Structure formats: C-alpha cells, structure tokens
Amino acid sequence: MRVIVHEFMSLDGVVQGPGAPDEDTDDGFAQGGWILPFVQHSGWGDVIDRWFERADRILLGRRTHDIMRPFWTDRDQGSNVAAAALRAAPKYVISTTTSSSTWENTRVIAEKPCEVVSQLRDMPGGELQVHGSWQVVSALQRADLVDEYRLIVFPIVLGNGKRVFPQGCPPIRFGEATSEWLGHGITYRRLAVAGRGPVLPRRGNTGGSAVLRAIG
C-alpha cells in the first residue's frame, strides 16, 4: 500500500488553515480561509473527486479529523464521491488527546504512529491517503514513509504559516512528476518520492556553468 499526501498549498508552500479563518490559528496565523476566493472555480473540485475514488484507507491528524468529520458526514453520500469514500474507507486518527471517534469505521492511534503506518504500508492494497494533517505529514517525512505528494497549488502568497516542506525537512528526491493546469492560476502537481537526499551533480562541468555565463 502506498502512502499518499494530499494538500492545498499556496505558491510559497503554506498549507495552514486553508478552509476557514479559525481552522488553524497556531503561531498567530491570521490568514485562514485563503482558498475561499477560489471555490467558484470547479476544476480543482474534480481533482478532489479523483483523489477519493482511489482511497483505500484514510490517515488523519486529530485536528483535521475534527474538521472533516462533521463536514463530510452531513454531505449526501449518494451523490458526493468524497463523502461516500470517507464513509466506506477505514480511517485512522493519530492523537494523544482523544481515545475514540464517533465517525464510523475509525481507529485512534495513540502510540508509535509511524510504526503503525509502516505496518499499514506493508499491507496489500492501493492507497493510504493523508489529507491535510500537517503534523502527521511532518512525522511521516522524517520517518521516510511518504510515497507521493499530490498538491493543488493556488496563486496566492501568504508569507508565513506551516509549510508542507518546512525548514528542517529531510532532503527528498522525486522521480515521476506531473503538473496539470486547472485554470485561474491553479495547478495540480503529483510528485512521486524516489528517495532521500538531493540529486548530486556529476563530477566535472555539466554545462550549467556555461549557461549561466551566457545569460549573465
């Protein structure tokens, strides 16, 4: 099973509080709800449906769980792809502050979450999807447990906030990478993780320095 991270992201990499002003105000973040001006553009909603059509299992942090549970359980599951998938898929919530969830088919993981995720990753199946859940994503990055990032990038710069690749994030190499234009300055990027560490240049002159001299 592959671990796939899904995020809404600003041009400068911020993923904090996209949906509402009070969604995540950690560290005085006051720009919550920054995706709301883009809701009228439906192209990225179609991408979200494609995400959930592929979900076998869902992994969330406690805060993201608390936001998603009431929102999605109130949706018509007959016509909403995400709501139907979230009802059917087994869900895992990483939390040390709660021991249970009223969301059906949900298990709370309180101890050794990365070990549990590693065990799930070794199971047969398609995708273990992480949505939002910045703290969980950071832990998975450090444990080298992310297989792919799916990022909807919005044309806005926030200047501060939690980033999907924060300062101190381990170096990550990517293999297959695709980008899809969704209109109105919104792009969708898929980045398959190829391993740890930056790609090291070959010894000797690869031509890059000559290009820099030519344009300088």
Protein backbone atom coordinates (compact mmCIF):
# COMPACT_ATOMS: atom_id res chain seq x y z
CA MET A 1 0.00 0.00 0.00
CA ARG A 2 1.33 3.47 -0.91
CA VAL A 3 1.20 6.44 1.46
CA ILE A 4 -0.06 9.49 -0.45
CA VAL A 5 -0.10 13.03 0.99
CA HIS A 6 -2.81 15.41 -0.28
CA GLU A 7 -2.59 19.14 0.39
CA PHE A 8 -3.95 22.53 -0.65
CA MET A 9 -0.87 24.74 -0.93
CA SER A 10 -0.04 28.38 -1.58
CA LEU A 11 2.68 29.40 -4.01
CA ASP A 12 5.10 29.80 -1.10
CA GLY A 13 4.33 26.33 0.24
CA VAL A 14 1.91 27.17 3.06
CA VAL A 15 -0.75 24.55 3.88
CA GLN A 16 -2.05 26.00 7.14
CA GLY A 17 -5.74 26.78 7.63
CA PRO A 18 -6.92 26.82 4.03
CA GLY A 19 -10.62 26.28 4.68
CA ALA A 20 -11.75 28.72 7.38
CA PRO A 21 -10.44 31.66 9.48
CA ASP A 22 -10.44 29.62 12.71
CA GLU A 23 -9.30 26.32 11.23
CA ASP A 24 -5.70 26.59 12.48
CA THR A 25 -4.50 29.75 14.21
CA ASP A 26 -1.29 28.26 15.63
CA ASP A 27 1.58 30.77 15.96
CA GLY A 28 -0.84 33.64 15.40
CA PHE A 29 -1.74 32.61 11.83
CA ALA A 30 -4.43 35.07 10.77
CA GLN A 31 -4.95 34.20 7.10
CA GLY A 32 -7.15 31.14 7.48
CA GLY A 33 -9.68 30.51 4.73
CA TRP A 34 -7.33 31.55 1.95
CA ILE A 35 -8.78 29.07 -0.59
CA LEU A 36 -12.29 30.54 -0.28
CA PRO A 37 -11.84 33.05 -3.16
CA PHE A 38 -11.12 30.07 -5.42
CA VAL A 39 -14.18 27.97 -4.52
CA GLN A 40 -16.12 29.27 -7.52
CA HIS A 41 -13.60 27.61 -9.87
CA SER A 42 -14.74 23.98 -10.08
CA GLY A 43 -11.72 22.40 -11.76
CA TRP A 44 -9.94 21.56 -8.54
CA GLY A 45 -13.12 20.05 -7.07
CA ASP A 46 -12.95 17.46 -9.86
CA VAL A 47 -9.39 16.64 -8.77
CA ILE A 48 -10.60 16.00 -5.20
CA ASP A 49 -13.18 13.54 -6.52
CA ARG A 50 -10.39 11.72 -8.34
CA TRP A 51 -8.42 11.57 -5.09
CA PHE A 52 -11.18 9.91 -3.12
CA GLU A 53 -12.11 7.49 -5.88
CA ARG A 54 -8.69 5.90 -5.26
CA ALA A 55 -8.77 5.89 -1.44
CA ASP A 56 -8.47 2.50 0.25
CA ARG A 57 -7.70 3.85 3.73
CA ILE A 58 -7.55 7.35 5.24
CA LEU A 59 -4.99 8.69 7.75
CA LEU A 60 -5.65 11.97 9.61
CA GLY A 61 -4.34 14.05 12.46
CA ARG A 62 -6.75 14.83 15.28
CA ARG A 63 -7.41 18.44 14.22
CA THR A 64 -8.09 17.50 10.60
CA HIS A 65 -10.35 14.68 11.77
CA ASP A 66 -12.33 17.10 13.93
CA ILE A 67 -12.81 19.43 10.94
CA MET A 68 -13.63 16.75 8.36
CA ARG A 69 -15.95 14.52 10.38
CA PRO A 70 -18.92 16.93 10.78
CA PHE A 71 -18.42 18.43 7.32
CA TRP A 72 -18.40 15.19 5.36
CA THR A 73 -20.91 13.20 7.40
CA ASP A 74 -23.51 15.88 6.61
CA ARG A 75 -22.99 15.52 2.85
CA ASP A 76 -25.25 13.42 0.62
CA GLN A 77 -23.24 10.25 0.25
CA GLY A 78 -25.25 9.15 -2.76
CA SER A 79 -24.01 11.95 -4.99
CA ASN A 80 -20.77 13.07 -3.33
CA VAL A 81 -17.72 10.99 -4.18
CA ALA A 82 -15.66 12.19 -1.21
CA ALA A 83 -18.45 11.68 1.32
CA ALA A 84 -19.12 8.15 0.08
CA ALA A 85 -15.43 7.25 0.16
CA LEU A 86 -14.93 8.68 3.63
CA ARG A 87 -17.85 6.65 4.90
CA ALA A 88 -16.66 3.39 3.37
CA ALA A 89 -12.89 3.59 3.89
CA PRO A 90 -11.24 2.54 7.16
CA LYS A 91 -9.94 5.68 8.86
CA TYR A 92 -7.04 6.14 11.27
CA VAL A 93 -6.63 9.19 13.51
CA ILE A 94 -3.28 9.91 15.16
CA SER A 95 -3.94 11.55 18.52
CA THR A 96 -2.73 11.54 22.11
CA THR A 97 -5.61 13.74 23.29
CA THR A 98 -8.60 11.57 22.35
CA SER A 99 -9.18 7.84 22.59
CA SER A 100 -12.21 7.36 20.35
CA SER A 101 -14.15 8.82 17.43
CA THR A 102 -17.86 8.93 16.62
CA TRP A 103 -17.01 8.69 12.91
CA GLU A 104 -17.85 5.17 11.81
CA ASN A 105 -15.06 2.80 10.86
CA THR A 106 -12.41 4.91 12.64
CA ARG A 107 -9.49 3.79 14.82
CA VAL A 108 -7.46 6.15 17.01
CA ILE A 109 -3.68 5.59 17.07
CA ALA A 110 -2.12 6.95 20.25
CA GLU A 111 1.24 5.17 20.42
CA LYS A 112 4.04 4.60 17.91
CA PRO A 113 2.09 6.02 14.96
CA CYS A 114 4.94 5.69 12.47
CA GLU A 115 5.28 2.01 13.29
CA VAL A 116 1.56 1.53 12.68
CA VAL A 117 1.77 3.42 9.38
CA SER A 118 4.76 1.32 8.35
CA GLN A 119 2.72 -1.84 9.03
CA LEU A 120 -0.21 -0.48 7.01
CA ARG A 121 2.17 0.45 4.19
CA ASP A 122 3.38 -3.15 4.05
CA MET A 123 -0.17 -4.44 3.62
CA PRO A 124 -1.55 -5.26 0.15
CA GLY A 125 -3.81 -2.62 -1.33
CA GLY A 126 -3.79 0.66 -3.18
CA GLU A 127 -3.58 3.94 -1.28
CA LEU A 128 -3.36 5.02 2.33
CA GLN A 129 -4.29 8.69 1.88
CA VAL A 130 -3.27 11.51 4.21
CA HIS A 131 -5.33 14.70 3.89
CA GLY A 132 -4.17 17.94 5.49
CA SER A 133 -2.78 16.84 8.87
CA TRP A 134 0.44 18.87 8.78
CA GLN A 135 1.93 17.40 11.95
CA VAL A 136 1.32 13.86 10.73
CA VAL A 137 2.90 14.65 7.36
CA SER A 138 5.99 16.07 9.09
CA ALA A 139 6.38 12.88 11.14
CA LEU A 140 5.98 10.69 8.06
CA GLN A 141 8.58 12.76 6.21
CA ARG A 142 11.11 12.24 8.99
CA ALA A 143 10.38 8.51 9.01
CA ASP A 144 10.67 8.27 5.18
CA LEU A 145 7.15 6.86 4.87
CA VAL A 146 5.67 9.10 2.14
CA ASP A 147 5.45 7.62 -1.37
CA GLU A 148 3.81 10.50 -3.23
CA TYR A 149 2.65 14.10 -2.80
CA ARG A 150 -0.47 15.45 -4.52
CA LEU A 151 -0.63 19.21 -4.25
CA ILE A 152 -3.26 21.65 -5.50
CA VAL A 153 -1.32 24.91 -5.69
CA PHE A 154 -3.23 28.19 -5.55
CA PRO A 155 -1.98 31.53 -6.92
CA ILE A 156 -1.54 33.26 -3.59
CA VAL A 157 1.48 34.07 -1.40
CA LEU A 158 0.82 34.04 2.35
CA GLY A 159 4.27 34.90 3.65
CA ASN A 160 4.08 32.78 6.79
CA GLY A 161 2.47 29.62 8.10
CA LYS A 162 3.05 25.88 8.22
CA ARG A 163 4.66 24.54 5.07
CA VAL A 164 4.46 21.08 3.56
CA PHE A 165 8.27 21.12 3.19
CA PRO A 166 9.31 23.17 6.25
CA GLN A 167 12.74 24.27 7.38
CA GLY A 168 14.49 21.15 8.63
CA CYS A 169 12.53 18.79 6.38
CA PRO A 170 14.82 15.96 5.23
CA PRO A 171 16.03 16.28 1.62
CA ILE A 172 13.71 14.44 -0.77
CA ARG A 173 14.36 13.25 -4.33
CA PHE A 174 11.42 12.90 -6.70
CA GLY A 175 11.05 10.59 -9.66
CA GLU A 176 7.91 10.83 -11.77
CA ALA A 177 6.40 14.31 -11.57
CA THR A 178 3.39 15.72 -13.40
CA SER A 179 1.67 19.09 -13.47
CA GLU A 180 -1.89 19.80 -14.58
CA TRP A 181 -3.27 23.26 -15.32
CA LEU A 182 -6.69 23.73 -13.69
CA GLY A 183 -7.31 27.30 -14.83
CA HIS A 184 -7.40 30.61 -12.93
CA GLY A 185 -3.76 30.17 -11.92
CA ILE A 186 -4.42 26.91 -10.06
CA THR A 187 -2.20 23.91 -10.75
CA TYR A 188 -2.21 20.30 -9.66
CA ARG A 189 1.14 18.62 -9.05
CA ARG A 190 1.91 14.97 -8.43
CA LEU A 191 5.37 14.12 -7.11
CA ALA A 192 6.46 10.52 -6.63
CA VAL A 193 9.16 10.15 -3.97
CA ALA A 194 12.30 8.48 -5.31
CA GLY A 195 14.35 8.53 -2.11
CA ARG A 196 16.17 10.56 0.49
CA GLY A 197 18.76 13.20 -0.24
CA PRO A 198 19.35 15.71 -3.04
CA VAL A 199 20.39 14.64 -6.51
CA LEU A 200 24.15 15.15 -6.57
CA PRO A 201 25.68 16.62 -9.74
CA ARG A 202 28.17 14.57 -11.71
CA ARG A 203 31.80 15.48 -11.35
CA GLY A 204 33.02 17.90 -13.95
CA ASN A 205 31.27 20.55 -15.97
CA THR A 206 27.73 19.56 -16.92
CA GLY A 207 27.14 22.70 -18.97
CA GLY A 208 25.21 24.57 -16.30
CA SER A 209 28.04 27.00 -15.62
CA ALA A 210 28.33 27.77 -19.32
CA VAL A 211 24.63 28.57 -19.50
CA LEU A 212 24.93 30.89 -16.52
CA ARG A 213 27.84 32.68 -18.16
CA ALA A 214 25.89 33.02 -21.41
CA ILE A 215 22.83 34.61 -19.79
CA GLY A 216 24.92 36.73 -17.43
